Amino acid sequence: MAYGHGTLNIEIKVNSKWEKHHLTEVWYVPDISKNLFCISQTLKRGFKFQASKDECSLLRDDRVCLKGVRTVHGLYALEMRVLCPKVCVAAEVCVASADQSLHLWHERLCHQNKAHVKDIL
């Protein structure tokens, strides 16, 4: 199950050098064991995809933007890594009182008895 989406800062290995980039509209799925990359979404954004039996490439304006190598399982492993921030960034947070939260969940749970909602929370 996906819990949210946003932008992800990454590094991509091109010509033996790591370059900083970002991916947009990335889905956060904590229970997935591997990161998946959707080629069709990339093609919609103007990239070209080329593949051979050993490697694949994503190109924009005939320049290689991302490379991958084929694994023993027939999938392509992309040469990229996620950049984690070294410090926490500020986030906009909405705080609700317990009464507001109880009422909100009472409504979300199809107007269940508030005593039952308290047990769940």
PDB file of N, CA and C in Angstrom:
ATOM      1  N   MET A   1       0.830  -1.165   0.000  1.00  0.00           N
ATOM      2  CA  MET A   1       0.000   0.000   0.000  1.00  0.00           C
ATOM      3  C   MET A   1       0.885   1.242   0.000  1.00  0.00           C
ATOM      4  N   ALA A   2       0.558   2.208  -0.848  1.00  0.00           N
ATOM      5  CA  ALA A   2       1.303   3.458  -0.919  1.00  0.00           C
ATOM      6  C   ALA A   2       0.786   4.417   0.149  1.00  0.00           C
ATOM      7  N   TYR A   3       1.712   5.107   0.821  1.00  0.00           N
ATOM      8  CA  TYR A   3       1.342   6.024   1.889  1.00  0.00           C
ATOM      9  C   TYR A   3       1.461   7.484   1.487  1.00  0.00           C
ATOM     10  N   GLY A   4       2.035   7.770   0.337  1.00  0.00           N
ATOM     11  CA  GLY A   4       2.175   9.146  -0.101  1.00  0.00           C
ATOM     12  C   GLY A   4       3.065   9.229  -1.319  1.00  0.00           C
ATOM     13  N   HIS A   5       3.165  10.420  -1.862  1.00  0.00           N
ATOM     14  CA  HIS A   5       4.070  10.606  -2.991  1.00  0.00           C
ATOM     15  C   HIS A   5       4.655  12.011  -2.937  1.00  0.00           C
ATOM     16  N   GLY A   6       5.767  12.166  -3.673  1.00  0.00           N
ATOM     17  CA  GLY A   6       6.451  13.448  -3.671  1.00  0.00           C
ATOM     18  C   GLY A   6       7.678  13.402  -4.555  1.00  0.00           C
ATOM     19  N   THR A   7       8.661  14.205  -4.213  1.00  0.00           N
ATOM     20  CA  THR A   7       9.896  14.321  -4.984  1.00  0.00           C
ATOM     21  C   THR A   7      11.027  13.672  -4.198  1.00  0.00           C
ATOM     22  N   LEU A   8      11.896  12.984  -4.920  1.00  0.00           N
ATOM     23  CA  LEU A   8      12.993  12.246  -4.306  1.00  0.00           C
ATOM     24  C   LEU A   8      14.310  12.720  -4.907  1.00  0.00           C
ATOM     25  N   ASN A   9      15.263  13.096  -4.060  1.00  0.00           N
ATOM     26  CA  ASN A   9      16.596  13.483  -4.527  1.00  0.00           C
ATOM     27  C   ASN A   9      17.432  12.222  -4.707  1.00  0.00           C
ATOM     28  N   ILE A  10      18.090  12.136  -5.854  1.00  0.00           N
ATOM     29  CA  ILE A  10      18.866  10.943  -6.195  1.00  0.00           C
ATOM     30  C   ILE A  10      20.195  11.336  -6.813  1.00  0.00           C
ATOM     31  N   GLU A  11      21.076  10.351  -6.929  1.00  0.00           N
ATOM     32  CA  GLU A  11      22.292  10.466  -7.730  1.00  0.00           C
ATOM     33  C   GLU A  11      22.239   9.378  -8.781  1.00  0.00           C
ATOM     34  N   ILE A  12      22.644   9.743  -9.993  1.00  0.00           N
ATOM     35  CA  ILE A  12      22.638   8.819 -11.123  1.00  0.00           C
ATOM     36  C   ILE A  12      24.062   8.703 -11.642  1.00  0.00           C
ATOM     37  N   LYS A  13      24.484   7.473 -11.908  1.00  0.00           N
ATOM     38  CA  LYS A  13      25.833   7.249 -12.430  1.00  0.00           C
ATOM     39  C   LYS A  13      25.786   7.279 -13.956  1.00  0.00           C
ATOM     40  N   VAL A  14      26.470   8.274 -14.522  1.00  0.00           N
ATOM     41  CA  VAL A  14      26.566   8.425 -15.976  1.00  0.00           C
ATOM     42  C   VAL A  14      28.036   8.630 -16.317  1.00  0.00           C
ATOM     43  N   ASN A  15      28.555   7.792 -17.205  1.00  0.00           N
ATOM     44  CA  ASN A  15      29.967   7.877 -17.616  1.00  0.00           C
ATOM     45  C   ASN A  15      30.904   7.864 -16.403  1.00  0.00           C
ATOM     46  N   SER A  16      30.664   6.956 -15.486  1.00  0.00           N
ATOM     47  CA  SER A  16      31.489   6.745 -14.286  1.00  0.00           C
ATOM     48  C   SER A  16      31.461   7.898 -13.291  1.00  0.00           C
ATOM     49  N   LYS A  17      30.534   8.852 -13.459  1.00  0.00           N
ATOM     50  CA  LYS A  17      30.414   9.977 -12.530  1.00  0.00           C
ATOM     51  C   LYS A  17      29.013   9.987 -11.932  1.00  0.00           C
ATOM     52  N   TRP A  18      28.912  10.324 -10.646  1.00  0.00           N
ATOM     53  CA  TRP A  18      27.617  10.450  -9.988  1.00  0.00           C
ATOM     54  C   TRP A  18      27.112  11.881 -10.142  1.00  0.00           C
ATOM     55  N   GLU A  19      25.895  12.025 -10.696  1.00  0.00           N
ATOM     56  CA  GLU A  19      25.273  13.335 -10.902  1.00  0.00           C
ATOM     57  C   GLU A  19      24.009  13.432 -10.056  1.00  0.00           C
ATOM     58  N   LYS A  20      23.780  14.605  -9.449  1.00  0.00           N
ATOM     59  CA  LYS A  20      22.581  14.811  -8.630  1.00  0.00           C
ATOM     60  C   LYS A  20      21.394  15.174  -9.520  1.00  0.00           C
ATOM     61  N   HIS A  21      20.264  14.536  -9.245  1.00  0.00           N
ATOM     62  CA  HIS A  21      19.009  14.790  -9.955  1.00  0.00           C
ATOM     63  C   HIS A  21      17.863  14.591  -8.972  1.00  0.00           C
ATOM     64  N   HIS A  22      16.647  14.655  -9.476  1.00  0.00           N
ATOM     65  CA  HIS A  22      15.486  14.343  -8.644  1.00  0.00           C
ATOM     66  C   HIS A  22      14.423  13.644  -9.483  1.00  0.00           C
ATOM     67  N   LEU A  23      13.627  12.837  -8.827  1.00  0.00           N
ATOM     68  CA  LEU A  23      12.484  12.176  -9.444  1.00  0.00           C
ATOM     69  C   LEU A  23      11.230  12.794  -8.841  1.00  0.00           C
ATOM     70  N   THR A  24      10.251  13.093  -9.692  1.00  0.00           N
ATOM     71  CA  THR A  24       9.002  13.669  -9.200  1.00  0.00           C
ATOM     72  C   THR A  24       7.891  12.624  -9.227  1.00  0.00           C
ATOM     73  N   GLU A  25       6.884  12.868  -8.435  1.00  0.00           N
ATOM     74  CA  GLU A  25       5.718  11.989  -8.325  1.00  0.00           C
ATOM     75  C   GLU A  25       6.117  10.554  -7.974  1.00  0.00           C
ATOM     76  N   VAL A  26       7.017  10.439  -7.019  1.00  0.00           N
ATOM     77  CA  VAL A  26       7.478   9.139  -6.528  1.00  0.00           C
ATOM     78  C   VAL A  26       6.518   8.674  -5.438  1.00  0.00           C
ATOM     79  N   TRP A  27       6.117   7.418  -5.492  1.00  0.00           N
ATOM     80  CA  TRP A  27       5.221   6.852  -4.484  1.00  0.00           C
ATOM     81  C   TRP A  27       6.035   6.245  -3.347  1.00  0.00           C
ATOM     82  N   TYR A  28       5.608   6.486  -2.108  1.00  0.00           N
ATOM     83  CA  TYR A  28       6.258   5.916  -0.926  1.00  0.00           C
ATOM     84  C   TYR A  28       5.501   4.654  -0.518  1.00  0.00           C
ATOM     85  N   VAL A  29       6.173   3.499  -0.685  1.00  0.00           N
ATOM     86  CA  VAL A  29       5.590   2.197  -0.346  1.00  0.00           C
ATOM     87  C   VAL A  29       6.583   1.493   0.575  1.00  0.00           C
ATOM     88  N   PRO A  30       6.440   1.651   1.894  1.00  0.00           N
ATOM     89  CA  PRO A  30       7.447   1.125   2.816  1.00  0.00           C
ATOM     90  C   PRO A  30       7.568  -0.391   2.836  1.00  0.00           C
ATOM     91  N   ASP A  31       6.523  -1.119   2.463  1.00  0.00           N
ATOM     92  CA  ASP A  31       6.573  -2.583   2.538  1.00  0.00           C
ATOM     93  C   ASP A  31       7.172  -3.244   1.303  1.00  0.00           C
ATOM     94  N   ILE A  32       7.520  -2.482   0.294  1.00  0.00           N
ATOM     95  CA  ILE A  32       8.084  -3.065  -0.926  1.00  0.00           C
ATOM     96  C   ILE A  32       9.578  -3.309  -0.700  1.00  0.00           C
ATOM     97  N   SER A  33      10.089  -4.420  -1.203  1.00  0.00           N
ATOM     98  CA  SER A  33      11.484  -4.773  -0.919  1.00  0.00           C
ATOM     99  C   SER A  33      12.473  -4.166  -1.916  1.00  0.00           C
ATOM    100  N   LYS A  34      12.014  -3.770  -3.088  1.00  0.00           N
ATOM    101  CA  LYS A  34      12.880  -3.161  -4.102  1.00  0.00           C
ATOM    102  C   LYS A  34      12.215  -1.905  -4.635  1.00  0.00           C
ATOM    103  N   ASN A  35      13.008  -0.958  -5.088  1.00  0.00           N
ATOM    104  CA  ASN A  35      12.469   0.228  -5.739  1.00  0.00           C
ATOM    105  C   ASN A  35      12.129  -0.121  -7.180  1.00  0.00           C
ATOM    106  N   LEU A  36      10.966   0.309  -7.628  1.00  0.00           N
ATOM    107  CA  LEU A  36      10.535   0.056  -8.998  1.00  0.00           C
ATOM    108  C   LEU A  36      10.540   1.364  -9.767  1.00  0.00           C
ATOM    109  N   PHE A  37      10.879   1.281 -11.049  1.00  0.00           N
ATOM    110  CA  PHE A  37      10.971   2.456 -11.903  1.00  0.00           C
ATOM    111  C   PHE A  37      10.074   2.220 -13.108  1.00  0.00           C
ATOM    112  N   CYS A  38       9.131   3.110 -13.355  1.00  0.00           N
ATOM    113  CA  CYS A  38       8.149   2.929 -14.427  1.00  0.00           C
ATOM    114  C   CYS A  38       8.633   3.597 -15.717  1.00  0.00           C
ATOM    115  N   ILE A  39       9.003   2.777 -16.691  1.00  0.00           N
ATOM    116  CA  ILE A  39       9.499   3.292 -17.970  1.00  0.00           C
ATOM    117  C   ILE A  39       8.420   4.075 -18.705  1.00  0.00           C
ATOM    118  N   SER A  40       7.173   3.586 -18.699  1.00  0.00           N
ATOM    119  CA  SER A  40       6.110   4.259 -19.458  1.00  0.00           C
ATOM    120  C   SER A  40       5.878   5.687 -18.954  1.00  0.00           C
ATOM    121  N   GLN A  41       5.985   5.918 -17.640  1.00  0.00           N
ATOM    122  CA  GLN A  41       5.837   7.276 -17.114  1.00  0.00           C
ATOM    123  C   GLN A  41       6.988   8.168 -17.580  1.00  0.00           C
ATOM    124  N   THR A  42       8.163   7.597 -17.678  1.00  0.00           N
ATOM    125  CA  THR A  42       9.329   8.347 -18.145  1.00  0.00           C
ATOM    126  C   THR A  42       9.180   8.707 -19.621  1.00  0.00           C
ATOM    127  N   LEU A  43       8.664   7.784 -20.417  1.00  0.00           N
ATOM    128  CA  LEU A  43       8.459   8.047 -21.840  1.00  0.00           C
ATOM    129  C   LEU A  43       7.445   9.168 -22.052  1.00  0.00           C
ATOM    130  N   LYS A  44       6.434   9.252 -21.202  1.00  0.00           N
ATOM    131  CA  LYS A  44       5.443  10.332 -21.295  1.00  0.00           C
ATOM    132  C   LYS A  44       6.082  11.698 -21.082  1.00  0.00           C
ATOM    133  N   ARG A  45       7.232  11.729 -20.417  1.00  0.00           N
ATOM    134  CA  ARG A  45       7.917  12.989 -20.120  1.00  0.00           C
ATOM    135  C   ARG A  45       9.004  13.330 -21.135  1.00  0.00           C
ATOM    136  N   GLY A  46       8.998  12.625 -22.260  1.00  0.00           N
ATOM    137  CA  GLY A  46       9.906  12.985 -23.341  1.00  0.00           C
ATOM    138  C   GLY A  46      11.219  12.233 -23.394  1.00  0.00           C
ATOM    139  N   PHE A  47      11.393  11.221 -22.576  1.00  0.00           N
ATOM    140  CA  PHE A  47      12.610  10.419 -22.619  1.00  0.00           C
ATOM    141  C   PHE A  47      12.456   9.310 -23.651  1.00  0.00           C
ATOM    142  N   LYS A  48      13.581   8.763 -24.107  1.00  0.00           N
ATOM    143  CA  LYS A  48      13.607   7.594 -24.984  1.00  0.00           C
ATOM    144  C   LYS A  48      14.254   6.449 -24.220  1.00  0.00           C
ATOM    145  N   PHE A  49      13.770   5.240 -24.471  1.00  0.00           N
ATOM    146  CA  PHE A  49      14.297   4.055 -23.803  1.00  0.00           C
ATOM    147  C   PHE A  49      14.945   3.157 -24.838  1.00  0.00           C
ATOM    148  N   GLN A  50      16.180   2.724 -24.565  1.00  0.00           N
ATOM    149  CA  GLN A  50      16.886   1.777 -25.429  1.00  0.00           C
ATOM    150  C   GLN A  50      17.367   0.626 -24.560  1.00  0.00           C
ATOM    151  N   ALA A  51      17.295  -0.582 -25.113  1.00  0.00           N
ATOM    152  CA  ALA A  51      17.747  -1.744 -24.343  1.00  0.00           C
ATOM    153  C   ALA A  51      18.393  -2.756 -25.263  1.00  0.00           C
ATOM    154  N   SER A  52      19.375  -3.442 -24.729  1.00  0.00           N
ATOM    155  CA  SER A  52      20.002  -4.578 -25.398  1.00  0.00           C
ATOM    156  C   SER A  52      19.907  -5.747 -24.422  1.00  0.00           C
ATOM    157  N   LYS A  53      20.520  -6.861 -24.775  1.00  0.00           N
ATOM    158  CA  LYS A  53      20.442  -8.022 -23.880  1.00  0.00           C
ATOM    159  C   LYS A  53      21.213  -7.813 -22.577  1.00  0.00           C
ATOM    160  N   ASP A  54      22.152  -6.854 -22.541  1.00  0.00           N
ATOM    161  CA  ASP A  54      22.991  -6.647 -21.354  1.00  0.00           C
ATOM    162  C   ASP A  54      22.727  -5.354 -20.586  1.00  0.00           C
ATOM    163  N   GLU A  55      22.205  -4.321 -21.263  1.00  0.00           N
ATOM    164  CA  GLU A  55      22.041  -3.038 -20.598  1.00  0.00           C
ATOM    165  C   GLU A  55      20.877  -2.251 -21.180  1.00  0.00           C
ATOM    166  N   CYS A  56      20.489  -1.196 -20.456  1.00  0.00           N
ATOM    167  CA  CYS A  56      19.443  -0.295 -20.940  1.00  0.00           C
ATOM    168  C   CYS A  56      19.881   1.144 -20.679  1.00  0.00           C
ATOM    169  N   SER A  57      19.249   2.064 -21.405  1.00  0.00           N
ATOM    170  CA  SER A  57      19.561   3.483 -21.245  1.00  0.00           C
ATOM    171  C   SER A  57      18.294   4.308 -21.408  1.00  0.00           C
ATOM    172  N   LEU A  58      18.223   5.396 -20.658  1.00  0.00           N
ATOM    173  CA  LEU A  58      17.199   6.413 -20.853  1.00  0.00           C
ATOM    174  C   LEU A  58      17.901   7.626 -21.421  1.00  0.00           C
ATOM    175  N   LEU A  59      17.340   8.162 -22.500  1.00  0.00           N
ATOM    176  CA  LEU A  59      17.963   9.296 -23.166  1.00  0.00           C
ATOM    177  C   LEU A  59      16.981  10.455 -23.267  1.00  0.00           C
ATOM    178  N   ARG A  60      17.523  11.661 -23.204  1.00  0.00           N
ATOM    179  CA  ARG A  60      16.751  12.869 -23.493  1.00  0.00           C
ATOM    180  C   ARG A  60      17.633  13.730 -24.379  1.00  0.00           C
ATOM    181  N   ASP A  61      17.074  14.141 -25.514  1.00  0.00           N
ATOM    182  CA  ASP A  61      17.831  14.922 -26.502  1.00  0.00           C
ATOM    183  C   ASP A  61      19.121  14.198 -26.889  1.00  0.00           C
ATOM    184  N   ASP A  62      19.018  12.889 -27.095  1.00  0.00           N
ATOM    185  CA  ASP A  62      20.130  12.022 -27.498  1.00  0.00           C
ATOM    186  C   ASP A  62      21.287  11.991 -26.495  1.00  0.00           C
ATOM    187  N   ARG A  63      21.050  12.408 -25.268  1.00  0.00           N
ATOM    188  CA  ARG A  63      22.058  12.338 -24.204  1.00  0.00           C
ATOM    189  C   ARG A  63      21.618  11.281 -23.196  1.00  0.00           C
ATOM    190  N   VAL A  64      22.546  10.393 -22.827  1.00  0.00           N
ATOM    191  CA  VAL A  64      22.239   9.345 -21.850  1.00  0.00           C
ATOM    192  C   VAL A  64      22.044   9.988 -20.482  1.00  0.00           C
ATOM    193  N   CYS A  65      20.864   9.759 -19.905  1.00  0.00           N
ATOM    194  CA  CYS A  65      20.542  10.308 -18.586  1.00  0.00           C
ATOM    195  C   CYS A  65      20.602   9.259 -17.491  1.00  0.00           C
ATOM    196  N   LEU A  66      20.427   7.994 -17.870  1.00  0.00           N
ATOM    197  CA  LEU A  66      20.390   6.924 -16.884  1.00  0.00           C
ATOM    198  C   LEU A  66      20.718   5.615 -17.568  1.00  0.00           C
ATOM    199  N   LYS A  67      21.554   4.806 -16.910  1.00  0.00           N
ATOM    200  CA  LYS A  67      21.917   3.493 -17.450  1.00  0.00           C
ATOM    201  C   LYS A  67      21.576   2.415 -16.441  1.00  0.00           C
ATOM    202  N   GLY A  68      21.365   1.233 -16.967  1.00  0.00           N
ATOM    203  CA  GLY A  68      21.116   0.083 -16.117  1.00  0.00           C
ATOM    204  C   GLY A  68      21.742  -1.152 -16.725  1.00  0.00           C
ATOM    205  N   VAL A  69      22.001  -2.146 -15.898  1.00  0.00           N
ATOM    206  CA  VAL A  69      22.562  -3.409 -16.379  1.00  0.00           C
ATOM    207  C   VAL A  69      21.575  -4.526 -16.081  1.00  0.00           C
ATOM    208  N   ARG A  70      21.535  -5.505 -16.963  1.00  0.00           N
ATOM    209  CA  ARG A  70      20.596  -6.609 -16.811  1.00  0.00           C
ATOM    210  C   ARG A  70      21.086  -7.584 -15.742  1.00  0.00           C
ATOM    211  N   THR A  71      20.166  -7.988 -14.887  1.00  0.00           N
ATOM    212  CA  THR A  71      20.503  -8.929 -13.818  1.00  0.00           C
ATOM    213  C   THR A  71      20.268 -10.359 -14.295  1.00  0.00           C
ATOM    214  N   VAL A  72      20.658 -11.316 -13.477  1.00  0.00           N
ATOM    215  CA  VAL A  72      20.462 -12.728 -13.825  1.00  0.00           C
ATOM    216  C   VAL A  72      18.981 -13.086 -13.894  1.00  0.00           C
ATOM    217  N   HIS A  73      18.115 -12.270 -13.283  1.00  0.00           N
ATOM    218  CA  HIS A  73      16.677 -12.532 -13.295  1.00  0.00           C
ATOM    219  C   HIS A  73      15.973 -11.875 -14.482  1.00  0.00           C
ATOM    220  N   GLY A  74      16.734 -11.212 -15.356  1.00  0.00           N
ATOM    221  CA  GLY A  74      16.158 -10.591 -16.539  1.00  0.00           C
ATOM    222  C   GLY A  74      15.651  -9.177 -16.336  1.00  0.00           C
ATOM    223  N   LEU A  75      15.826  -8.618 -15.147  1.00  0.00           N
ATOM    224  CA  LEU A  75      15.434  -7.240 -14.880  1.00  0.00           C
ATOM    225  C   LEU A  75      16.644  -6.333 -15.050  1.00  0.00           C
ATOM    226  N   TYR A  76      16.393  -5.043 -15.232  1.00  0.00           N
ATOM    227  CA  TYR A  76      17.485  -4.081 -15.339  1.00  0.00           C
ATOM    228  C   TYR A  76      17.660  -3.367 -14.002  1.00  0.00           C
ATOM    229  N   ALA A  77      18.868  -3.378 -13.473  1.00  0.00           N
ATOM    230  CA  ALA A  77      19.201  -2.661 -12.241  1.00  0.00           C
ATOM    231  C   ALA A  77      19.786  -1.313 -12.640  1.00  0.00           C
ATOM    232  N   LEU A  78      19.115  -0.241 -12.239  1.00  0.00           N
ATOM    233  CA  LEU A  78      19.553   1.098 -12.611  1.00  0.00           C
ATOM    234  C   LEU A  78      20.668   1.568 -11.694  1.00  0.00           C
ATOM    235  N   GLU A  79      21.589   2.324 -12.259  1.00  0.00           N
ATOM    236  CA  GLU A  79      22.711   2.843 -11.484  1.00  0.00           C
ATOM    237  C   GLU A  79      22.303   4.182 -10.875  1.00  0.00           C
ATOM    238  N   MET A  80      21.544   4.093  -9.778  1.00  0.00           N
ATOM    239  CA  MET A  80      21.098   5.288  -9.072  1.00  0.00           C
ATOM    240  C   MET A  80      21.036   4.986  -7.588  1.00  0.00           C
ATOM    241  N   ARG A  81      21.129   6.037  -6.796  1.00  0.00           N
ATOM    242  CA  ARG A  81      21.002   5.880  -5.351  1.00  0.00           C
ATOM    243  C   ARG A  81      20.234   7.077  -4.786  1.00  0.00           C
ATOM    244  N   VAL A  82      19.522   6.817  -3.713  1.00  0.00           N
ATOM    245  CA  VAL A  82      18.698   7.835  -3.062  1.00  0.00           C
ATOM    246  C   VAL A  82      19.573   8.670  -2.141  1.00  0.00           C
ATOM    247  N   LEU A  83      19.384   9.980  -2.191  1.00  0.00           N
ATOM    248  CA  LEU A  83      20.095  10.890  -1.294  1.00  0.00           C
ATOM    249  C   LEU A  83      19.201  11.189  -0.103  1.00  0.00           C
ATOM    250  N   CYS A  84      19.678  10.870   1.071  1.00  0.00           N
ATOM    251  CA  CYS A  84      18.922  11.139   2.298  1.00  0.00           C
ATOM    252  C   CYS A  84      19.396  12.464   2.874  1.00  0.00           C
ATOM    253  N   PRO A  85      18.466  13.308   3.331  1.00  0.00           N
ATOM    254  CA  PRO A  85      18.886  14.585   3.918  1.00  0.00           C
ATOM    255  C   PRO A  85      19.673  14.366   5.207  1.00  0.00           C
ATOM    256  N   LYS A  86      20.689  15.214   5.431  1.00  0.00           N
ATOM    257  CA  LYS A  86      21.513  15.101   6.634  1.00  0.00           C
ATOM    258  C   LYS A  86      20.830  15.733   7.842  1.00  0.00           C
ATOM    259  N   VAL A  87      19.928  16.661   7.580  1.00  0.00           N
ATOM    260  CA  VAL A  87      19.172  17.296   8.661  1.00  0.00           C
ATOM    261  C   VAL A  87      17.693  17.231   8.316  1.00  0.00           C
ATOM    262  N   CYS A  88      16.882  17.319   9.338  1.00  0.00           N
ATOM    263  CA  CYS A  88      15.437  17.328   9.115  1.00  0.00           C
ATOM    264  C   CYS A  88      15.038  18.662   8.505  1.00  0.00           C
ATOM    265  N   VAL A  89      14.115  18.622   7.591  1.00  0.00           N
ATOM    266  CA  VAL A  89      13.597  19.850   7.004  1.00  0.00           C
ATOM    267  C   VAL A  89      12.263  20.172   7.658  1.00  0.00           C
ATOM    268  N   ALA A  90      11.952  21.450   7.688  1.00  0.00           N
ATOM    269  CA  ALA A  90      10.693  21.872   8.298  1.00  0.00           C
ATOM    270  C   ALA A  90       9.523  21.364   7.477  1.00  0.00           C
ATOM    271  N   ALA A  91       8.480  21.004   8.157  1.00  0.00           N
ATOM    272  CA  ALA A  91       7.272  20.536   7.486  1.00  0.00           C
ATOM    273  C   ALA A  91       6.084  21.289   8.048  1.00  0.00           C
ATOM    274  N   GLU A  92       5.100  21.475   7.201  1.00  0.00           N
ATOM    275  CA  GLU A  92       3.868  22.099   7.661  1.00  0.00           C
ATOM    276  C   GLU A  92       3.036  21.030   8.352  1.00  0.00           C
ATOM    277  N   VAL A  93       2.664  21.286   9.584  1.00  0.00           N
ATOM    278  CA  VAL A  93       1.949  20.291  10.372  1.00  0.00           C
ATOM    279  C   VAL A  93       0.644  20.894  10.868  1.00  0.00           C
ATOM    280  N   CYS A  94      -0.392  20.124  10.789  1.00  0.00           N
ATOM    281  CA  CYS A  94      -1.688  20.544  11.302  1.00  0.00           C
ATOM    282  C   CYS A  94      -1.952  19.770  12.587  1.00  0.00           C
ATOM    283  N   VAL A  95      -2.212  20.480  13.658  1.00  0.00           N
ATOM    284  CA  VAL A  95      -2.447  19.838  14.944  1.00  0.00           C
ATOM    285  C   VAL A  95      -3.927  19.956  15.279  1.00  0.00           C
ATOM    286  N   ALA A  96      -4.522  18.851  15.671  1.00  0.00           N
ATOM    287  CA  ALA A  96      -5.929  18.844  16.068  1.00  0.00           C
ATOM    288  C   ALA A  96      -6.027  18.411  17.516  1.00  0.00           C
ATOM    289  N   SER A  97      -7.011  18.940  18.195  1.00  0.00           N
ATOM    290  CA  SER A  97      -7.217  18.513  19.578  1.00  0.00           C
ATOM    291  C   SER A  97      -7.805  17.110  19.582  1.00  0.00           C
ATOM    292  N   ALA A  98      -7.761  16.452  20.734  1.00  0.00           N
ATOM    293  CA  ALA A  98      -8.294  15.093  20.845  1.00  0.00           C
ATOM    294  C   ALA A  98      -9.771  15.061  20.491  1.00  0.00           C
ATOM    295  N   ASP A  99     -10.532  16.092  20.911  1.00  0.00           N
ATOM    296  CA  ASP A  99     -11.960  16.140  20.585  1.00  0.00           C
ATOM    297  C   ASP A  99     -12.179  16.208  19.081  1.00  0.00           C
ATOM    298  N   GLN A 100     -11.411  17.072  18.387  1.00  0.00           N
ATOM    299  CA  GLN A 100     -11.540  17.191  16.937  1.00  0.00           C
ATOM    300  C   GLN A 100     -11.151  15.888  16.262  1.00  0.00           C
ATOM    301  N   SER A 101     -10.075  15.262  16.726  1.00  0.00           N
ATOM    302  CA  SER A 101      -9.610  14.018  16.132  1.00  0.00           C
ATOM    303  C   SER A 101     -10.645  12.913  16.321  1.00  0.00           C
ATOM    304  N   LEU A 102     -11.220  12.816  17.511  1.00  0.00           N
ATOM    305  CA  LEU A 102     -12.238  11.806  17.780  1.00  0.00           C
ATOM    306  C   LEU A 102     -13.444  12.010  16.870  1.00  0.00           C
ATOM    307  N   HIS A 103     -13.865  13.264  16.740  1.00  0.00           N
ATOM    308  CA  HIS A 103     -15.017  13.554  15.883  1.00  0.00           C
ATOM    309  C   HIS A 103     -14.701  13.240  14.417  1.00  0.00           C
ATOM    310  N   LEU A 104     -13.501  13.595  13.993  1.00  0.00           N
ATOM    311  CA  LEU A 104     -13.096  13.314  12.614  1.00  0.00           C
ATOM    312  C   LEU A 104     -13.124  11.817  12.331  1.00  0.00           C
ATOM    313  N   TRP A 105     -12.533  11.017  13.225  1.00  0.00           N
ATOM    314  CA  TRP A 105     -12.523   9.568  13.015  1.00  0.00           C
ATOM    315  C   TRP A 105     -13.912   8.968  13.176  1.00  0.00           C
ATOM    316  N   HIS A 106     -14.741   9.552  14.016  1.00  0.00           N
ATOM    317  CA  HIS A 106     -16.140   9.136  14.137  1.00  0.00           C
ATOM    318  C   HIS A 106     -16.820   9.258  12.768  1.00  0.00           C
ATOM    319  N   GLU A 107     -16.564  10.386  12.067  1.00  0.00           N
ATOM    320  CA  GLU A 107     -17.144  10.590  10.734  1.00  0.00           C
ATOM    321  C   GLU A 107     -16.504   9.670   9.698  1.00  0.00           C
ATOM    322  N   ARG A 108     -15.188   9.520   9.747  1.00  0.00           N
ATOM    323  CA  ARG A 108     -14.493   8.667   8.775  1.00  0.00           C
ATOM    324  C   ARG A 108     -14.914   7.201   8.884  1.00  0.00           C
ATOM    325  N   LEU A 109     -15.268   6.782  10.084  1.00  0.00           N
ATOM    326  CA  LEU A 109     -15.652   5.385  10.304  1.00  0.00           C
ATOM    327  C   LEU A 109     -17.170   5.213  10.244  1.00  0.00           C
ATOM    328  N   CYS A 110     -17.808   5.989   9.388  1.00  0.00           N
ATOM    329  CA  CYS A 110     -19.252   5.864   9.116  1.00  0.00           C
ATOM    330  C   CYS A 110     -20.086   6.073  10.374  1.00  0.00           C
ATOM    331  N   HIS A 111     -19.690   7.051  11.184  1.00  0.00           N
ATOM    332  CA  HIS A 111     -20.447   7.463  12.363  1.00  0.00           C
ATOM    333  C   HIS A 111     -20.617   6.342  13.382  1.00  0.00           C
ATOM    334  N   GLN A 112     -19.528   5.604  13.578  1.00  0.00           N
ATOM    335  CA  GLN A 112     -19.515   4.582  14.626  1.00  0.00           C
ATOM    336  C   GLN A 112     -19.681   5.255  15.987  1.00  0.00           C
ATOM    337  N   ASN A 113     -20.126   4.502  16.959  1.00  0.00           N
ATOM    338  CA  ASN A 113     -20.232   4.982  18.328  1.00  0.00           C
ATOM    339  C   ASN A 113     -18.858   5.503  18.765  1.00  0.00           C
ATOM    340  N   LYS A 114     -18.825   6.691  19.370  1.00  0.00           N
ATOM    341  CA  LYS A 114     -17.540   7.304  19.740  1.00  0.00           C
ATOM    342  C   LYS A 114     -16.758   6.461  20.745  1.00  0.00           C
ATOM    343  N   ALA A 115     -17.448   5.675  21.547  1.00  0.00           N
ATOM    344  CA  ALA A 115     -16.752   4.776  22.481  1.00  0.00           C
ATOM    345  C   ALA A 115     -15.954   3.728  21.709  1.00  0.00           C
ATOM    346  N   HIS A 116     -16.512   3.232  20.605  1.00  0.00           N
ATOM    347  CA  HIS A 116     -15.796   2.256  19.769  1.00  0.00           C
ATOM    348  C   HIS A 116     -14.606   2.917  19.070  1.00  0.00           C
ATOM    349  N   VAL A 117     -14.807   4.161  18.629  1.00  0.00           N
ATOM    350  CA  VAL A 117     -13.722   4.889  17.961  1.00  0.00           C
ATOM    351  C   VAL A 117     -12.569   5.106  18.941  1.00  0.00           C
ATOM    352  N   LYS A 118     -12.868   5.443  20.201  1.00  0.00           N
ATOM    353  CA  LYS A 118     -11.817   5.625  21.214  1.00  0.00           C
ATOM    354  C   LYS A 118     -11.018   4.341  21.402  1.00  0.00           C
ATOM    355  N   ASP A 119     -11.704   3.196  21.376  1.00  0.00           N
ATOM    356  CA  ASP A 119     -11.006   1.912  21.521  1.00  0.00           C
ATOM    357  C   ASP A 119     -10.029   1.683  20.377  1.00  0.00           C
ATOM    358  N   ILE A 120     -10.410   2.097  19.179  1.00  0.00           N
ATOM    359  CA  ILE A 120      -9.553   1.919  17.997  1.00  0.00           C
ATOM    360  C   ILE A 120      -8.344   2.843  18.070  1.00  0.00           C
ATOM    361  N   LEU A 121      -8.595   4.102  18.457  1.00  0.00           N
ATOM    362  CA  LEU A 121      -7.510   5.077  18.522  1.00  0.00           C
ATOM    363  C   LEU A 121      -6.612   4.768  19.697  1.00  0.00           C
TER     364      LEU A 121
END
